[in-house]
Amino acid sequence: MAEISISPLKGNGGTANSA
């Protein structure tokens, strides 16, 4: 799971860094 967003712990639509 890797989208195009650089967020630590978000998981809101475009942030799937720590899903």
PDB file of N, CA and C in Angstrom:
ATOM      1  N   MET A   1       0.839  -1.200   0.000  1.00  0.00           N
ATOM      2  CA  MET A   1       0.000   0.000   0.000  1.00  0.00           C
ATOM      3  C   MET A   1       0.876   1.253   0.000  1.00  0.00           C
ATOM      4  N   ALA A   2       1.003   1.861  -1.148  1.00  0.00           N
ATOM      5  CA  ALA A   2       1.826   3.066  -1.218  1.00  0.00           C
ATOM      6  C   ALA A   2       1.225   4.041  -2.221  1.00  0.00           C
ATOM      7  N   GLU A   3       0.627   5.097  -1.716  1.00  0.00           N
ATOM      8  CA  GLU A   3       0.036   6.094  -2.606  1.00  0.00           C
ATOM      9  C   GLU A   3       1.030   7.210  -2.901  1.00  0.00           C
ATOM     10  N   ILE A   4       0.544   8.375  -3.278  1.00  0.00           N
ATOM     11  CA  ILE A   4       1.451   9.486  -3.585  1.00  0.00           C
ATOM     12  C   ILE A   4       1.312  10.553  -2.501  1.00  0.00           C
ATOM     13  N   SER A   5       1.698  10.216  -1.304  1.00  0.00           N
ATOM     14  CA  SER A   5       1.603  11.169  -0.199  1.00  0.00           C
ATOM     15  C   SER A   5       2.665  10.856   0.841  1.00  0.00           C
ATOM     16  N   ILE A   6       3.240  11.882   1.427  1.00  0.00           N
ATOM     17  CA  ILE A   6       4.275  11.661   2.433  1.00  0.00           C
ATOM     18  C   ILE A   6       3.727  12.052   3.807  1.00  0.00           C
ATOM     19  N   SER A   7       2.997  11.159   4.435  1.00  0.00           N
ATOM     20  CA  SER A   7       2.441  11.440   5.757  1.00  0.00           C
ATOM     21  C   SER A   7       2.854  10.339   6.719  1.00  0.00           C
ATOM     22  N   PRO A   8       3.205  10.683   7.938  1.00  0.00           N
ATOM     23  CA  PRO A   8       3.616   9.689   8.928  1.00  0.00           C
ATOM     24  C   PRO A   8       2.471   8.762   9.329  1.00  0.00           C
ATOM     25  N   LEU A   9       1.476   9.288   9.987  1.00  0.00           N
ATOM     26  CA  LEU A   9       0.350   8.444  10.415  1.00  0.00           C
ATOM     27  C   LEU A   9      -0.961   9.150  10.093  1.00  0.00           C
ATOM     28  N   LYS A  10      -1.407   9.026   8.861  1.00  0.00           N
ATOM     29  CA  LYS A  10      -2.647   9.698   8.509  1.00  0.00           C
ATOM     30  C   LYS A  10      -3.685   8.670   8.041  1.00  0.00           C
ATOM     31  N   GLY A  11      -3.540   8.168   6.853  1.00  0.00           N
ATOM     32  CA  GLY A  11      -4.506   7.196   6.369  1.00  0.00           C
ATOM     33  C   GLY A  11      -5.808   7.859   6.008  1.00  0.00           C
ATOM     34  N   ASN A  12      -5.786   9.035   5.436  1.00  0.00           N
ATOM     35  CA  ASN A  12      -7.017   9.740   5.030  1.00  0.00           C
ATOM     36  C   ASN A  12      -7.061   9.887   3.546  1.00  0.00           C
ATOM     37  N   GLY A  13      -7.471   8.935   2.815  1.00  0.00           N
ATOM     38  CA  GLY A  13      -7.613   9.072   1.357  1.00  0.00           C
ATOM     39  C   GLY A  13      -6.269   9.036   0.630  1.00  0.00           C
ATOM     40  N   GLY A  14      -5.613  10.159   0.552  1.00  0.00           N
ATOM     41  CA  GLY A  14      -4.357  10.219  -0.213  1.00  0.00           C
ATOM     42  C   GLY A  14      -3.129   9.976   0.644  1.00  0.00           C
ATOM     43  N   THR A  15      -3.315   9.486   1.853  1.00  0.00           N
ATOM     44  CA  THR A  15      -2.143   9.238   2.706  1.00  0.00           C
ATOM     45  C   THR A  15      -2.174   7.793   3.180  1.00  0.00           C
ATOM     46  N   ALA A  16      -1.415   6.958   2.525  1.00  0.00           N
ATOM     47  CA  ALA A  16      -1.409   5.548   2.921  1.00  0.00           C
ATOM     48  C   ALA A  16       0.016   5.105   3.236  1.00  0.00           C
ATOM     49  N   ASN A  17       0.719   5.915   4.011  1.00  0.00           N
ATOM     50  CA  ASN A  17       2.109   5.586   4.350  1.00  0.00           C
ATOM     51  C   ASN A  17       2.128   4.552   5.475  1.00  0.00           C
ATOM     52  N   SER A  18       1.244   4.707   6.425  1.00  0.00           N
ATOM     53  CA  SER A  18       1.198   3.789   7.573  1.00  0.00           C
ATOM     54  C   SER A  18      -0.175   3.140   7.631  1.00  0.00           C
ATOM     55  N   ALA A  19      -0.535   2.432   6.593  1.00  0.00           N
ATOM     56  CA  ALA A  19      -1.872   1.834   6.568  1.00  0.00           C
ATOM     57  C   ALA A  19      -1.809   0.470   7.253  1.00  0.00           C
TER      58      ALA A  19
END
